[in-house]
Amino acid sequence: MDKQKNELTGSFALNALGDAEREELLRDAEASQDVRQEVEAMQETAALLGLSAAPVAPPARVKANIMSAIRNTPQLPPAAATHQAQDAAAQAATDHAPESATETGPDPLVRISPPAPARGSRRMFALAAGVLLVAAGALGGVVANQNAQQQKLEDQLAALNTKQAELTRILSAADVRSKTQELDNGARVTLAYSATEGMMAVTTAGLPALPSDKGYELWLISGTGAVSAGMVDGAKADGMVMVSGSMQGVTHFGITVEPASGSPAPTTDPILVQAL
């Protein structure tokens, strides 16, 4: 497949083609089995990569805050009912107003002083103030916890956005390639990579869980040997790992089971070797 068609297949998988380019690629896919297989592989890779991204759930307080606001926010009555209530209140005030007040108005020299608070009221006020101080301290702790959760959510979203941008770079590259291999135990490993971008997305599904002291180590293999490309948590092996760095001269990709801290070179037989 020529370079231009290969670039179109990656963009097609990302739904990033215009109408004319999409129609051109679909015509090529109908006429060529190689193009059709490449399109299907890219679409499968894009779907697997999307599904491998861990979902970011909003904090539980979001729903609670919304429901609380709904319960506590007074609703406005219909406009007609409001006007009727206002008219009735005004009429009632007119009907019950004292005649002397209506004719002469209140004596401007009369001043009404509020009664002095009783001793019991002062004690109640002090108690209420103390309760408010305790509540304010507790509220401060809640706010701090919410801020920490908000920061965690923002960090997860930032990491997700970064991963999405890297995936777009890979799948939009002119030399993008996609390979999927199924292991004997039914696990699947999908690679999407671009040598010019120096990036690879490794998606794993169904790898058996390992003991806490073991992990899956990824390897980029060339004529000079194997170079570690990172680790996959043995306890949570399903997901996606981004690999970056020079891929010039790399001919194969491999996975071995190694100590959780990683090894400088493979120490076990590989569970996967994929030609690139």
Protein backbone atom coordinates (compact mmCIF):
# COMPACT_ATOMS: atom_id res chain seq x y z
CA MET A 1 0.00 0.00 0.00
CA ASP A 2 1.42 3.42 -0.88
CA LYS A 3 2.15 6.05 1.78
CA GLN A 4 -0.87 8.21 0.95
CA LYS A 5 -3.38 5.38 1.28
CA ASN A 6 -1.74 4.21 4.50
CA GLU A 7 -2.15 7.69 5.98
CA LEU A 8 -5.80 7.74 4.96
CA THR A 9 -6.57 4.46 6.73
CA GLY A 10 -5.40 5.82 10.09
CA SER A 11 -7.36 9.03 9.66
CA PHE A 12 -10.42 7.04 8.54
CA ALA A 13 -10.28 5.02 11.78
CA LEU A 14 -10.31 8.30 13.73
CA ASN A 15 -13.21 9.66 11.64
CA ALA A 16 -10.91 12.50 10.58
CA LEU A 17 -11.42 12.46 6.80
CA GLY A 18 -13.44 14.81 4.67
CA ASP A 19 -16.20 13.51 2.42
CA ALA A 20 -14.04 13.35 -0.70
CA GLU A 21 -11.17 11.49 1.00
CA ARG A 22 -13.59 9.10 2.71
CA GLU A 23 -15.25 8.23 -0.61
CA GLU A 24 -11.84 7.77 -2.24
CA LEU A 25 -10.69 5.37 0.48
CA LEU A 26 -13.93 3.38 0.38
CA ARG A 27 -13.56 2.95 -3.39
CA ASP A 28 -9.98 1.76 -2.90
CA ALA A 29 -11.13 -0.67 -0.18
CA GLU A 30 -13.72 -2.17 -2.55
CA ALA A 31 -11.08 -2.70 -5.23
CA SER A 32 -8.19 -3.88 -3.03
CA GLN A 33 -8.17 -6.57 -0.35
CA ASP A 34 -4.97 -5.11 1.15
CA VAL A 35 -6.60 -1.71 1.65
CA ARG A 36 -9.74 -3.33 3.05
CA GLN A 37 -7.74 -5.36 5.58
CA GLU A 38 -5.75 -2.30 6.60
CA VAL A 39 -8.94 -0.30 7.15
CA GLU A 40 -10.45 -3.08 9.27
CA ALA A 41 -7.24 -3.42 11.32
CA MET A 42 -7.10 0.34 11.97
CA GLN A 43 -10.74 0.47 13.00
CA GLU A 44 -10.25 -2.46 15.37
CA THR A 45 -7.15 -0.82 16.83
CA ALA A 46 -8.91 2.51 17.35
CA ALA A 47 -11.81 0.74 19.08
CA LEU A 48 -9.51 -1.30 21.34
CA LEU A 49 -7.45 1.74 22.25
CA GLY A 50 -10.57 3.69 23.10
CA LEU A 51 -11.98 0.88 25.24
CA SER A 52 -8.68 0.45 27.06
CA ALA A 53 -8.76 3.98 28.49
CA ALA A 54 -9.91 3.82 32.08
CA PRO A 55 -13.18 5.74 32.55
CA VAL A 56 -13.00 8.82 34.76
CA ALA A 57 -15.99 8.88 37.11
CA PRO A 58 -17.14 12.24 38.51
CA PRO A 59 -16.97 12.58 42.30
CA ALA A 60 -20.00 11.15 44.11
CA ARG A 61 -20.69 14.57 45.60
CA VAL A 62 -21.67 15.96 42.20
CA LYS A 63 -24.99 14.10 42.12
CA ALA A 64 -25.59 14.76 45.84
CA ASN A 65 -25.00 18.50 45.37
CA ILE A 66 -27.36 18.65 42.39
CA MET A 67 -30.12 16.78 44.21
CA SER A 68 -29.65 18.96 47.30
CA ALA A 69 -29.90 22.11 45.20
CA ILE A 70 -33.13 20.84 43.63
CA ARG A 71 -34.64 20.12 47.06
CA ASN A 72 -33.57 23.40 48.66
CA THR A 73 -34.16 25.86 45.83
CA PRO A 74 -37.67 27.40 46.06
CA GLN A 75 -39.61 27.19 42.83
CA LEU A 76 -41.37 30.25 41.41
CA PRO A 77 -45.17 30.04 41.34
CA PRO A 78 -47.03 30.64 38.08
CA ALA A 79 -47.11 34.31 37.12
CA ALA A 80 -50.94 34.55 37.27
CA ALA A 81 -51.05 33.11 40.80
CA THR A 82 -48.37 35.58 41.94
CA HIS A 83 -50.34 38.60 40.70
CA GLN A 84 -53.55 37.32 42.32
CA ALA A 85 -51.81 36.81 45.67
CA GLN A 86 -50.30 40.32 45.53
CA ASP A 87 -53.69 41.91 44.73
CA ALA A 88 -55.39 39.98 47.57
CA ALA A 89 -52.71 41.02 50.08
CA ALA A 90 -53.01 44.69 49.09
CA GLN A 91 -56.82 44.60 49.43
CA ALA A 92 -56.60 42.93 52.84
CA ALA A 93 -54.15 45.57 54.10
CA THR A 94 -56.50 48.37 52.99
CA ASP A 95 -59.57 46.75 54.59
CA HIS A 96 -57.91 46.24 57.99
CA ALA A 97 -55.92 49.49 58.32
CA PRO A 98 -56.95 51.67 61.41
CA GLU A 99 -58.84 54.83 60.43
CA SER A 100 -56.68 57.09 62.65
CA ALA A 101 -53.54 55.86 61.01
CA THR A 102 -55.06 56.32 57.58
CA GLU A 103 -56.16 59.86 58.33
CA THR A 104 -53.40 61.31 60.50
CA GLY A 105 -50.57 58.77 60.26
CA PRO A 106 -48.52 57.50 63.20
CA ASP A 107 -47.08 59.87 65.81
CA PRO A 108 -43.52 60.61 64.64
CA LEU A 109 -42.39 61.12 68.28
CA VAL A 110 -43.26 57.59 69.37
CA ARG A 111 -40.25 55.23 69.51
CA ILE A 112 -40.56 51.53 70.26
CA SER A 113 -37.49 49.99 71.94
CA PRO A 114 -36.90 46.26 71.62
CA PRO A 115 -36.96 44.36 74.90
CA ALA A 116 -33.60 43.53 76.45
CA PRO A 117 -32.62 39.91 75.85
CA ALA A 118 -33.17 37.63 78.80
CA ARG A 119 -30.26 35.80 80.45
CA GLY A 120 -31.47 32.50 79.04
CA SER A 121 -31.48 33.97 75.54
CA ARG A 122 -27.86 35.08 75.95
CA ARG A 123 -26.87 31.55 76.97
CA MET A 124 -28.69 30.12 73.97
CA PHE A 125 -26.92 32.60 71.72
CA ALA A 126 -23.51 31.59 73.11
CA LEU A 127 -24.38 27.91 72.64
CA ALA A 128 -25.50 28.50 69.07
CA ALA A 129 -22.30 30.40 68.34
CA GLY A 130 -20.25 27.48 69.65
CA VAL A 131 -22.18 25.03 67.49
CA LEU A 132 -21.61 27.23 64.44
CA LEU A 133 -17.86 27.29 65.12
CA VAL A 134 -17.75 23.48 65.31
CA ALA A 135 -19.83 23.22 62.13
CA ALA A 136 -17.55 25.68 60.36
CA GLY A 137 -14.53 23.55 61.28
CA ALA A 138 -16.22 20.42 59.96
CA LEU A 139 -17.25 22.24 56.78
CA GLY A 140 -13.66 23.31 56.29
CA GLY A 141 -12.59 19.65 56.40
CA VAL A 142 -15.28 18.71 53.87
CA VAL A 143 -14.19 21.49 51.52
CA ALA A 144 -10.55 20.39 51.77
CA ASN A 145 -11.53 16.81 50.96
CA GLN A 146 -13.64 17.96 48.00
CA ASN A 147 -10.73 20.05 46.72
CA ALA A 148 -8.45 17.01 46.90
CA GLN A 149 -10.98 14.92 44.98
CA GLN A 150 -11.37 17.70 42.41
CA GLN A 151 -7.59 17.86 41.93
CA LYS A 152 -7.44 14.07 41.49
CA LEU A 153 -10.19 14.24 38.86
CA GLU A 154 -8.42 17.06 37.03
CA ASP A 155 -5.16 15.07 37.04
CA GLN A 156 -6.97 12.02 35.59
CA LEU A 157 -8.57 14.13 32.88
CA ALA A 158 -5.22 15.73 32.01
CA ALA A 159 -3.59 12.30 31.71
CA LEU A 160 -6.48 11.08 29.57
CA ASN A 161 -6.21 14.12 27.28
CA THR A 162 -2.46 13.55 26.91
CA LYS A 163 -3.00 9.88 26.02
CA GLN A 164 -5.72 10.82 23.53
CA ALA A 165 -3.39 13.33 21.85
CA GLU A 166 -0.64 10.70 21.60
CA LEU A 167 -3.06 8.17 20.08
CA THR A 168 -4.15 10.72 17.51
CA ARG A 169 -0.52 11.33 16.55
CA ILE A 170 0.08 7.60 16.09
CA LEU A 171 -3.05 6.82 14.10
CA SER A 172 -2.65 9.93 11.94
CA ALA A 173 0.99 9.19 11.06
CA ALA A 174 1.76 8.33 7.45
CA ASP A 175 3.63 5.15 8.49
CA VAL A 176 1.17 3.92 11.14
CA ARG A 177 0.97 0.16 11.52
CA SER A 178 -1.33 -2.05 13.57
CA LYS A 179 -0.77 -5.65 14.68
CA THR A 180 -2.92 -7.92 16.86
CA GLN A 181 -1.80 -11.26 18.24
CA GLU A 182 -3.86 -13.75 20.24
CA LEU A 183 -1.99 -15.88 22.75
CA ASP A 184 -2.61 -19.55 23.48
CA ASN A 185 -4.58 -18.64 26.64
CA GLY A 186 -6.94 -16.39 24.66
CA ALA A 187 -5.32 -13.09 25.71
CA ARG A 188 -4.96 -10.43 22.99
CA VAL A 189 -2.21 -7.88 22.48
CA THR A 190 -2.70 -5.07 19.96
CA LEU A 191 0.06 -2.75 18.82
CA ALA A 192 -0.37 0.57 17.02
CA TYR A 193 2.92 2.26 16.23
CA SER A 194 4.72 4.81 14.10
CA ALA A 195 8.48 4.75 13.66
CA THR A 196 8.59 8.38 12.50
CA GLU A 197 6.68 9.53 15.59
CA GLY A 198 8.72 7.20 17.81
CA MET A 199 5.56 6.08 19.59
CA MET A 200 3.67 2.84 20.18
CA ALA A 201 0.38 2.10 21.93
CA VAL A 202 0.24 -1.39 23.48
CA THR A 203 -3.23 -2.64 24.40
CA THR A 204 -3.54 -5.84 26.43
CA ALA A 205 -6.70 -7.79 27.18
CA GLY A 206 -7.04 -11.07 29.08
CA LEU A 207 -3.46 -11.42 30.36
CA PRO A 208 -3.47 -13.62 33.49
CA ALA A 209 -2.98 -11.86 36.82
CA LEU A 210 0.49 -12.33 38.33
CA PRO A 211 1.73 -12.43 41.94
CA SER A 212 2.46 -9.03 43.48
CA ASP A 213 6.21 -9.50 42.98
CA LYS A 214 5.87 -10.12 39.21
CA GLY A 215 4.97 -7.96 36.23
CA TYR A 216 4.88 -7.99 32.44
CA GLU A 217 7.87 -6.26 30.87
CA LEU A 218 7.71 -4.87 27.32
CA TRP A 219 10.68 -5.07 24.96
CA LEU A 220 11.71 -3.39 21.73
CA ILE A 221 13.98 -5.84 19.92
CA SER A 222 16.56 -5.02 17.26
CA GLY A 223 19.70 -6.61 15.87
CA THR A 224 21.66 -5.34 18.88
CA GLY A 225 19.37 -6.84 21.53
CA ALA A 226 16.25 -6.08 23.56
CA VAL A 227 15.58 -2.71 25.22
CA SER A 228 13.00 -2.39 27.97
CA ALA A 229 9.96 -0.34 26.96
CA GLY A 230 8.22 -0.29 30.34
CA MET A 231 6.17 -2.48 32.66
CA VAL A 232 2.55 -3.61 32.83
CA ASP A 233 1.17 -4.16 36.34
CA GLY A 234 0.79 -7.91 36.77
CA ALA A 235 -2.26 -7.52 39.01
CA LYS A 236 -4.07 -5.18 36.58
CA ALA A 237 -2.73 -6.24 33.22
CA ASP A 238 -5.63 -5.20 31.01
CA GLY A 239 -5.28 -1.70 29.60
CA MET A 240 -3.06 0.43 27.46
CA VAL A 241 0.57 1.48 27.82
CA MET A 242 2.20 4.20 25.73
CA VAL A 243 5.78 3.54 24.59
CA SER A 244 7.92 6.38 23.30
CA GLY A 245 11.47 6.58 22.01
CA SER A 246 13.44 5.83 18.89
CA MET A 247 12.14 2.85 16.95
CA GLN A 248 14.75 2.97 14.21
CA GLY A 249 16.12 -0.53 13.62
CA VAL A 250 13.48 -2.16 15.84
CA THR A 251 12.21 -5.33 14.17
CA HIS A 252 10.19 -7.09 16.89
CA PHE A 253 8.16 -6.42 20.01
CA GLY A 254 8.17 -8.84 22.95
CA ILE A 255 6.67 -9.42 26.41
CA THR A 256 8.21 -11.44 29.24
CA VAL A 257 7.30 -12.06 32.88
CA GLU A 258 9.85 -10.34 35.12
CA PRO A 259 10.21 -9.09 38.71
CA ALA A 260 7.77 -6.24 39.41
CA SER A 261 10.66 -3.77 39.52
CA GLY A 262 11.74 -4.77 35.98
CA SER A 263 14.88 -6.33 34.54
CA PRO A 264 17.66 -4.80 32.43
CA ALA A 265 17.38 -7.77 30.04
CA PRO A 266 14.84 -10.59 29.56
CA THR A 267 15.25 -13.41 32.07
CA THR A 268 12.36 -15.70 30.98
CA ASP A 269 11.01 -17.04 27.73
CA PRO A 270 8.79 -14.45 26.05
CA ILE A 271 5.03 -14.98 26.14
CA LEU A 272 4.78 -12.92 22.95
CA VAL A 273 7.10 -11.98 20.09
CA GLN A 274 5.55 -9.88 17.33
CA ALA A 275 7.35 -8.90 14.13
CA LEU A 276 6.96 -5.20 13.31
